[in-house]
Protein backbone atom coordinates (compact mmCIF):
# COMPACT_ATOMS: atom_id res chain seq x y z
CA MET A 1 -24.94 11.88 -6.77
CA SER A 2 -25.00 10.76 -10.63
CA ARG A 3 -21.29 10.73 -11.52
CA VAL A 4 -18.02 10.29 -9.11
CA LEU A 5 -14.67 11.18 -10.71
CA VAL A 6 -11.58 9.25 -9.30
CA VAL A 7 -8.26 10.44 -10.50
CA GLY A 8 -5.81 7.29 -10.34
CA GLY A 9 -6.20 3.91 -11.51
CA GLY A 10 -4.00 2.07 -8.98
CA ILE A 11 -5.07 -0.03 -6.01
CA ALA A 12 -6.82 2.81 -4.13
CA GLY A 13 -8.69 4.34 -7.48
CA LEU A 14 -9.94 1.13 -8.89
CA THR A 15 -11.10 -0.13 -5.32
CA THR A 16 -12.92 3.30 -4.78
CA ALA A 17 -14.57 2.65 -8.26
CA ILE A 18 -15.48 -0.86 -7.34
CA ALA A 19 -16.93 0.43 -3.81
CA LEU A 20 -18.63 2.96 -5.36
CA ARG A 21 -20.53 0.74 -7.65
CA HIS A 22 -21.48 -1.32 -5.09
CA ALA A 23 -23.13 1.52 -3.32
CA GLY A 24 -25.05 2.23 -6.69
CA LEU A 25 -23.12 5.49 -7.54
CA GLU A 26 -21.58 6.01 -11.16
CA ALA A 27 -17.72 6.06 -11.45
CA THR A 28 -15.07 7.16 -13.88
CA VAL A 29 -11.35 6.42 -13.44
CA SER A 30 -8.99 8.66 -14.94
CA GLU A 31 -4.86 7.33 -14.83
CA ALA A 32 -2.35 9.45 -15.88
CA HIS A 33 0.00 6.97 -17.43
CA PRO A 34 -0.77 5.37 -20.82
CA ILE A 35 -0.59 1.88 -19.87
CA GLY A 36 -1.22 -0.20 -16.76
CA ALA A 37 0.92 -1.96 -13.89
CA ASP A 38 3.93 -4.10 -15.52
CA GLY A 39 5.05 -7.48 -14.53
CA LYS A 40 8.05 -6.89 -12.36
CA GLY A 41 9.04 -8.47 -9.13
CA ALA A 42 7.07 -6.36 -6.87
CA PHE A 43 4.58 -7.87 -4.32
CA LEU A 44 2.40 -6.66 -1.62
CA THR A 45 0.50 -8.40 1.60
CA ILE A 46 -3.57 -7.56 2.06
CA MET A 47 -3.75 -8.02 5.87
CA ALA A 48 -7.08 -9.22 7.49
CA ASN A 49 -8.53 -5.64 7.64
CA GLY A 50 -7.67 -5.01 3.84
CA LEU A 51 -9.56 -8.46 2.95
CA ASP A 52 -12.42 -7.65 5.54
CA ALA A 53 -12.92 -4.43 3.55
CA LEU A 54 -13.14 -6.20 0.32
CA ARG A 55 -15.57 -8.58 1.48
CA ALA A 56 -17.74 -5.52 2.15
CA ILE A 57 -18.32 -4.98 -1.32
CA GLU A 58 -18.07 -8.30 -2.40
CA ALA A 59 -14.76 -8.73 -4.06
CA GLU A 60 -12.78 -10.48 -1.42
CA HIS A 61 -12.32 -13.43 -4.00
CA LEU A 62 -10.24 -11.18 -6.41
CA VAL A 63 -7.42 -11.49 -3.45
CA LEU A 64 -8.16 -15.28 -2.06
CA ASP A 65 -7.97 -16.59 -5.68
CA ARG A 66 -4.66 -15.39 -6.58
CA SER A 67 -2.98 -15.32 -3.17
CA PHE A 68 -1.41 -17.38 -0.63
CA THR A 69 -1.39 -17.19 3.49
CA SER A 70 1.08 -15.45 5.15
CA ASN A 71 0.30 -15.49 8.75
CA GLU A 72 3.85 -15.05 10.54
CA VAL A 73 7.23 -13.44 10.41
CA ARG A 74 10.14 -15.22 11.78
CA MET A 75 12.67 -12.86 12.63
CA ARG A 76 16.53 -13.21 12.69
CA ASN A 77 19.79 -11.15 13.04
CA GLY A 78 22.38 -11.00 10.57
CA HIS A 79 24.28 -14.01 12.11
CA ASP A 80 21.09 -16.28 11.12
CA ARG A 81 20.20 -16.47 15.22
CA ARG A 82 16.32 -16.64 15.59
CA LEU A 83 15.31 -13.40 17.63
CA GLY A 84 11.35 -14.46 17.44
CA VAL A 85 8.49 -15.07 15.61
CA LEU A 86 5.29 -12.58 15.10
CA SER A 87 2.04 -14.02 14.59
CA ILE A 88 -0.07 -11.55 12.64
CA PRO A 89 -3.65 -11.57 14.07
CA SER A 90 -6.46 -12.58 12.00
CA PRO A 91 -10.36 -13.62 12.55
CA ASP A 92 -9.49 -17.26 11.25
CA PRO A 93 -6.92 -18.93 8.77
CA GLU A 94 -8.31 -18.28 5.46
CA HIS A 95 -8.53 -14.50 6.27
CA GLY A 96 -5.36 -13.60 7.42
CA PRO A 97 -2.56 -11.80 5.59
CA ARG A 98 -2.48 -12.93 1.80
CA THR A 99 0.52 -12.37 -0.32
CA MET A 100 0.21 -11.55 -4.14
CA ARG A 101 2.05 -9.97 -7.04
CA ARG A 102 1.19 -6.14 -7.05
CA ALA A 103 0.56 -6.75 -10.85
CA ASP A 104 -1.90 -9.61 -10.29
CA LEU A 105 -4.03 -7.48 -7.99
CA TYR A 106 -4.06 -4.19 -10.37
CA ARG A 107 -5.04 -6.67 -13.39
CA VAL A 108 -8.07 -8.19 -11.31
CA LEU A 109 -8.99 -4.97 -10.13
CA VAL A 110 -9.29 -3.59 -13.63
CA GLU A 111 -11.28 -6.81 -14.72
CA GLU A 112 -13.66 -6.18 -11.78
CA ALA A 113 -13.95 -2.59 -12.32
CA ARG A 114 -15.13 -2.94 -15.72
CA ARG A 115 -17.28 -5.95 -15.20
CA ARG A 116 -19.15 -3.65 -12.83
CA GLY A 117 -19.65 -0.72 -15.32
CA VAL A 118 -16.83 1.59 -14.33
CA GLU A 119 -15.07 3.48 -17.28
CA ILE A 120 -11.37 3.65 -17.39
CA GLN A 121 -9.55 6.19 -19.23
CA HIS A 122 -5.64 6.27 -19.62
CA GLY A 123 -3.31 9.07 -20.30
CA LYS A 124 -5.33 11.48 -18.37
CA ARG A 125 -3.07 13.69 -16.20
CA LEU A 126 -5.05 15.90 -14.13
CA VAL A 127 -4.06 19.24 -14.08
CA GLY A 128 -6.60 21.46 -12.83
CA THR A 129 -10.28 21.60 -11.26
CA ARG A 130 -13.25 24.21 -11.39
CA TYR A 131 -16.08 23.77 -8.78
CA HIS A 132 -19.49 25.06 -9.87
CA GLY A 133 -21.93 23.22 -7.57
CA GLY A 134 -20.26 20.03 -9.02
CA VAL A 135 -16.79 19.41 -10.23
CA THR A 136 -15.15 19.91 -13.62
CA ALA A 137 -11.55 17.92 -14.00
CA PHE A 138 -9.21 19.26 -16.59
CA PHE A 139 -6.18 17.08 -18.01
CA GLY A 140 -3.12 17.85 -19.57
CA ASP A 141 -4.32 16.35 -23.13
CA GLY A 142 -6.60 19.53 -23.04
CA THR A 143 -10.07 17.39 -22.30
CA ARG A 144 -12.16 17.86 -19.50
CA ILE A 145 -14.93 15.42 -17.72
CA GLY A 146 -17.18 16.77 -14.97
CA GLY A 147 -19.28 15.11 -12.15
CA ASN A 148 -20.56 15.66 -8.59
CA LEU A 149 -17.22 14.72 -6.98
CA LEU A 150 -13.84 14.16 -7.69
CA ILE A 151 -11.60 11.56 -5.51
CA GLY A 152 -7.84 11.83 -5.71
CA ALA A 153 -6.18 8.38 -5.43
CA ASP A 154 -3.37 9.73 -7.54
CA GLY A 155 -0.43 8.49 -5.11
CA VAL A 156 2.27 10.14 -3.07
CA ARG A 157 2.80 13.09 -5.33
CA SER A 158 -0.81 13.81 -5.59
CA THR A 159 -2.09 16.77 -7.72
CA THR A 160 -5.39 16.55 -6.07
CA ARG A 161 -3.84 16.94 -2.59
CA THR A 162 -2.35 20.28 -3.79
CA LEU A 163 -5.63 21.38 -5.56
CA ILE A 164 -7.58 21.15 -2.15
CA ASP A 165 -4.83 22.54 -0.32
CA PRO A 166 -2.05 24.43 -2.04
CA ASN A 167 -0.09 24.57 1.25
CA ALA A 168 -0.85 20.96 2.09
CA PRO A 169 2.58 19.14 3.31
CA GLN A 170 4.42 16.92 1.08
CA PRO A 171 5.96 13.42 1.71
CA ALA A 172 9.44 13.33 3.32
CA TYR A 173 11.62 10.89 2.08
CA THR A 174 12.66 8.26 4.56
CA GLY A 175 16.32 7.73 3.77
CA TRP A 176 15.85 4.48 2.23
CA ASN A 177 14.66 2.90 -0.89
CA ILE A 178 12.76 -0.56 -1.13
CA ALA A 179 14.30 -3.23 -3.55
CA MET A 180 12.27 -6.13 -4.71
CA GLY A 181 12.34 -9.38 -6.77
CA ALA A 182 11.20 -12.75 -7.36
CA VAL A 183 13.12 -16.23 -8.16
CA ARG A 184 11.77 -19.66 -8.45
CA ASP A 185 13.42 -22.28 -6.42
CA ALA A 186 16.17 -20.31 -4.99
CA LEU A 187 15.39 -21.18 -1.10
CA PRO A 188 14.23 -24.65 -1.37
CA ASP A 189 14.61 -25.52 2.43
CA ASN A 190 12.35 -22.63 3.57
CA HIS A 191 8.89 -23.08 5.53
CA ARG A 192 6.15 -21.87 2.58
CA ASP A 193 3.54 -19.12 3.69
CA CYS A 194 5.79 -17.42 6.55
CA TYR A 195 7.97 -14.35 5.82
CA TYR A 196 11.59 -14.31 7.03
CA MET A 197 12.81 -11.03 8.18
CA TYR A 198 16.61 -10.52 8.83
CA PHE A 199 18.43 -7.70 10.63
CA GLY A 200 21.82 -7.31 9.21
CA ARG A 201 24.41 -5.10 9.85
CA ARG A 202 24.17 -2.70 7.23
CA ALA A 203 20.51 -3.16 6.26
CA THR A 204 17.23 -5.49 6.96
CA CYS A 205 15.73 -7.63 4.18
CA GLY A 206 13.45 -10.62 4.14
CA HIS A 207 11.37 -12.97 2.06
CA ILE A 208 8.81 -15.65 1.60
CA THR A 209 8.27 -18.50 -0.18
CA SER A 210 5.07 -19.28 -2.20
CA PRO A 211 3.48 -22.71 -2.11
CA ASP A 212 4.56 -23.28 -5.79
CA GLY A 213 8.47 -22.48 -4.73
CA GLU A 214 8.84 -19.11 -5.89
CA THR A 215 10.54 -16.62 -3.75
CA TRP A 216 9.86 -13.44 -3.07
CA TRP A 217 12.05 -10.78 -1.42
CA PHE A 218 12.70 -7.18 -0.41
CA VAL A 219 15.76 -5.30 0.91
CA ASN A 220 15.21 -2.05 2.78
CA VAL A 221 18.11 0.32 1.41
CA PRO A 222 19.85 3.05 3.15
CA CYS A 223 20.43 5.57 0.34
CA GLY A 224 19.71 8.80 -1.00
CA GLU A 225 16.59 9.53 -2.58
CA ARG A 226 17.68 9.10 -6.26
CA ASP A 227 20.76 6.91 -5.73
CA LEU A 228 18.90 3.69 -7.09
CA ALA A 229 16.90 5.71 -9.62
CA ASP A 230 19.42 5.11 -12.60
CA ALA A 231 20.88 1.84 -11.55
CA SER A 232 21.18 -1.00 -13.83
CA PRO A 233 20.13 -4.17 -12.63
CA ALA A 234 23.79 -5.42 -12.47
CA GLN A 235 24.50 -2.30 -10.26
CA LEU A 236 21.50 -2.79 -7.94
CA ARG A 237 22.40 -6.37 -7.54
CA GLN A 238 25.75 -5.34 -6.55
CA ARG A 239 24.78 -2.63 -4.18
CA LEU A 240 22.36 -5.22 -2.62
CA GLY A 241 25.10 -8.11 -2.21
CA ASP A 242 27.57 -5.30 -0.76
CA LEU A 243 25.15 -4.31 2.01
CA PHE A 244 24.97 -7.93 3.36
CA ALA A 245 28.54 -8.81 3.03
CA GLY A 246 29.86 -10.54 6.25
CA ASP A 247 26.24 -11.34 7.08
CA ARG A 248 24.61 -14.91 7.24
CA ILE A 249 21.04 -14.23 5.39
CA GLY A 250 19.34 -16.62 3.29
CA THR A 251 17.55 -13.61 1.32
CA VAL A 252 21.09 -13.03 -0.07
CA GLN A 253 20.80 -16.18 -2.15
CA ALA A 254 17.26 -15.24 -3.80
CA ILE A 255 18.81 -11.98 -4.45
CA ARG A 256 21.61 -13.30 -6.59
CA ALA A 257 19.55 -15.74 -8.46
CA THR A 258 17.04 -13.27 -9.48
CA ALA A 259 16.59 -12.04 -13.36
CA ASP A 260 17.66 -8.64 -14.38
CA GLU A 261 13.49 -8.07 -15.59
CA ASP A 262 12.56 -9.13 -12.16
CA LEU A 263 14.50 -6.49 -10.30
CA THR A 264 12.68 -3.28 -8.92
CA ALA A 265 13.64 -0.33 -6.43
CA THR A 266 11.50 2.56 -5.27
CA ALA A 267 12.00 5.31 -2.87
CA CYS A 268 10.04 5.19 0.43
CA TYR A 269 8.19 8.12 1.70
CA GLN A 270 5.98 8.91 4.81
CA LEU A 271 3.31 11.42 5.32
CA PRO A 272 1.77 11.60 8.88
CA THR A 273 -1.05 13.81 8.43
CA VAL A 274 -2.62 15.90 5.98
CA PRO A 275 -4.76 18.93 7.60
CA THR A 276 -7.24 19.46 4.92
CA TRP A 277 -8.98 16.19 3.41
CA SER A 278 -11.61 17.86 1.23
CA ARG A 279 -12.62 21.18 -0.25
CA ALA A 280 -14.80 22.15 -3.43
CA GLY A 281 -16.10 18.88 -4.41
CA MET A 282 -13.18 16.70 -3.91
CA THR A 283 -11.52 14.42 -1.43
CA LEU A 284 -8.70 11.85 -0.98
CA VAL A 285 -7.90 8.10 -0.69
CA GLY A 286 -4.87 6.33 -0.34
CA ASP A 287 -1.18 7.40 -0.62
CA ALA A 288 -2.65 10.74 -1.59
CA LEU A 289 -3.98 10.92 1.78
CA HIS A 290 -1.51 9.24 4.13
CA VAL A 291 1.60 7.51 3.48
CA ALA A 292 3.16 4.94 6.09
CA SER A 293 6.15 3.08 6.04
CA PRO A 294 6.41 -0.05 4.17
CA SER A 295 7.11 -1.69 7.70
CA THR A 296 3.45 -1.24 8.69
CA THR A 297 2.74 -3.41 5.50
CA GLN A 298 -0.60 -1.61 5.36
CA GLY A 299 -0.39 0.60 2.49
CA ALA A 300 -2.79 -1.48 0.31
CA SER A 301 -5.06 -2.19 3.13
CA MET A 302 -5.71 1.34 4.35
CA ALA A 303 -6.38 2.51 0.91
CA ILE A 304 -8.84 -0.30 0.37
CA GLU A 305 -10.41 0.69 3.64
CA ASP A 306 -10.36 4.12 2.64
CA ALA A 307 -12.49 3.28 -0.45
CA VAL A 308 -14.97 1.37 1.17
CA THR A 309 -15.82 3.73 3.93
CA LEU A 310 -15.94 6.57 1.59
CA ALA A 311 -18.58 4.76 -0.58
CA GLN A 312 -20.28 3.71 2.41
CA CYS A 313 -20.77 7.40 3.69
CA LEU A 314 -21.84 8.60 0.01
CA ARG A 315 -24.48 5.91 -0.16
CA ASP A 316 -25.74 6.97 3.21
CA VAL A 317 -25.31 10.72 3.37
CA PRO A 318 -27.15 12.53 0.40
CA ASP A 319 -25.51 15.68 1.07
CA THR A 320 -21.98 15.55 -0.30
CA THR A 321 -20.32 17.85 2.11
CA ALA A 322 -21.48 16.03 5.11
CA ALA A 323 -20.84 12.50 3.65
CA LEU A 324 -17.11 13.90 3.23
CA GLN A 325 -16.84 15.24 6.78
CA LEU A 326 -18.36 11.86 8.24
CA TYR A 327 -15.50 10.12 6.06
CA GLU A 328 -12.91 11.93 7.82
CA LEU A 329 -14.40 11.40 11.11
CA LEU A 330 -14.64 7.88 10.84
CA ARG A 331 -10.87 7.40 9.26
CA ARG A 332 -8.68 10.03 10.36
CA GLU A 333 -7.87 8.86 13.92
CA ARG A 334 -7.22 5.35 12.44
CA VAL A 335 -5.14 6.31 9.58
CA GLU A 336 -2.98 8.51 11.29
CA ARG A 337 -2.43 6.20 14.19
CA VAL A 338 -1.58 3.60 11.29
CA VAL A 339 1.28 5.89 10.08
CA ARG A 340 2.67 6.83 13.59
CA SER A 341 3.00 2.97 14.30
CA GLY A 342 5.57 2.66 11.47
CA PHE A 343 7.11 6.45 11.56
CA ARG A 344 10.86 6.26 11.38
CA LYS A 345 13.17 9.54 11.95
CA LEU A 346 14.18 10.56 8.47
CA GLY A 347 17.83 9.77 6.82
CA PRO A 348 19.67 6.84 6.04
CA ARG A 349 21.45 5.14 9.13
CA VAL A 350 23.74 2.11 9.66
CA PRO A 351 23.49 0.80 13.18
CA GLY A 352 26.65 -0.06 15.31
CA LEU A 353 27.38 -2.68 17.09
CA VAL A 354 25.71 -1.58 20.25
CA GLN A 355 22.97 -0.28 18.29
CA ARG A 356 22.25 -3.66 16.85
CA LEU A 357 22.31 -5.54 20.03
CA LEU A 358 19.87 -3.12 21.42
CA ARG A 359 17.66 -3.56 18.18
CA ASP A 360 17.88 -7.31 18.42
CA ARG A 361 16.84 -7.44 22.02
CA ALA A 362 13.78 -5.01 21.16
CA VAL A 363 12.71 -6.78 18.65
CA THR A 364 12.77 -10.14 20.50
CA ARG A 365 10.69 -8.21 23.31
CA ARG A 366 8.39 -6.94 21.16
CA THR A 367 7.39 -10.32 19.24
CA ARG A 368 6.41 -11.77 22.36
CA HIS A 369 3.28 -9.39 23.18
CA PRO A 370 2.18 -7.67 19.76
CA ASP A 371 -0.50 -5.06 20.63
CA ILE A 372 -1.87 -5.03 16.96
CA ASP A 373 -5.42 -6.50 17.24
CA TRP A 374 -6.42 -2.72 16.63
CA LEU A 375 -4.68 -2.55 13.33
CA HIS A 376 -5.50 -6.14 11.74
CA LEU A 377 -8.89 -6.97 13.04
CA HIS A 378 -10.36 -3.90 12.18
CA HIS A 379 -14.36 -4.48 10.85
CA ILE A 380 -16.37 -2.24 8.37
CA ASP A 381 -20.31 -3.21 8.62
CA TRP A 382 -21.48 -2.53 5.05
CA ASP A 383 -24.94 -3.22 6.21
CA SER A 384 -24.90 -0.40 8.77
CA ASP A 385 -26.49 3.03 7.95
CA LEU A 386 -24.30 5.54 8.37
CA SER A 387 -27.10 8.41 7.94
CA ALA A 388 -27.24 8.86 12.06
CA THR A 389 -23.30 8.78 12.54
CA GLY A 390 -22.08 12.29 13.86
């Protein structure tokens, strides 16, 4: 295989290109947007399984050098009463969950991809493909590029997914947006390196304070899909404040202190299954293939796992069709189980008093016996030969 075309230059696409280069394959990344990620207040956590996958392709340092540990979640209700503490499994303290800015991860992945010889093109929006033993990708600017395989890493609204299967299911809106932000020194009394998760009367939220005193927060906002799309920073801040009026929640202090330029809101979707993963020299990774609720905290880590597993299959199985079949065999059950673990009924919901009491009791019970080792301790053995797997 001489050339792999990766469509989408986000976390999934860049990690895929890096993994392909580590496997000895040539990779080109085509990204629709004219520029890269911005520096707004969005952040993410790479879980132990995501770090394990990065370690397989000698890229773990990209996260470790720019992140901090976040090994537990302290859960509280809207009255600031402790519900429980969820300890997140990890093989050791250094390789447990790591929190970092999304823009920082994007930047270092771009730098690493280019260092390894990946060509990255911007302003290339995929509009069609043609299969002829290899695959040719056609872009909206009138250009085309050919290769042996096209990997769709083009996100929730994936064009590649539809080209593989015109009848492929589309992601469903969950009924809520996630708002995020960052502010320095807003919550000086909090413990560092652990998440605080609050279950308020109308919504849930949480925050984490980094070792240098910067607080990163999020709010799950029950609303219509486009309700926050055009909101000004002042309107968004007011909306978030109203959600927690009457609650005693520490995160609200950080929300009020966040500057306009560090506020962001994004609609949340879920996609439990994609019937057809590959066709005519094309396949999928990341959010193009599976979209889980942010409550799983596994979006980035699952994309990284996809990238490394796919690259390993292509390295070990010379026949591309057989390699893609093996990729699906190794990944489908796991990724669909991850999506199910965070699946939510669709539609915005505001729990009543009885529902809140039952929810608080359920959360307390659940944190005592977390059965999540299968999720976080997944290991990819890069040195194994997959050619005999089937």
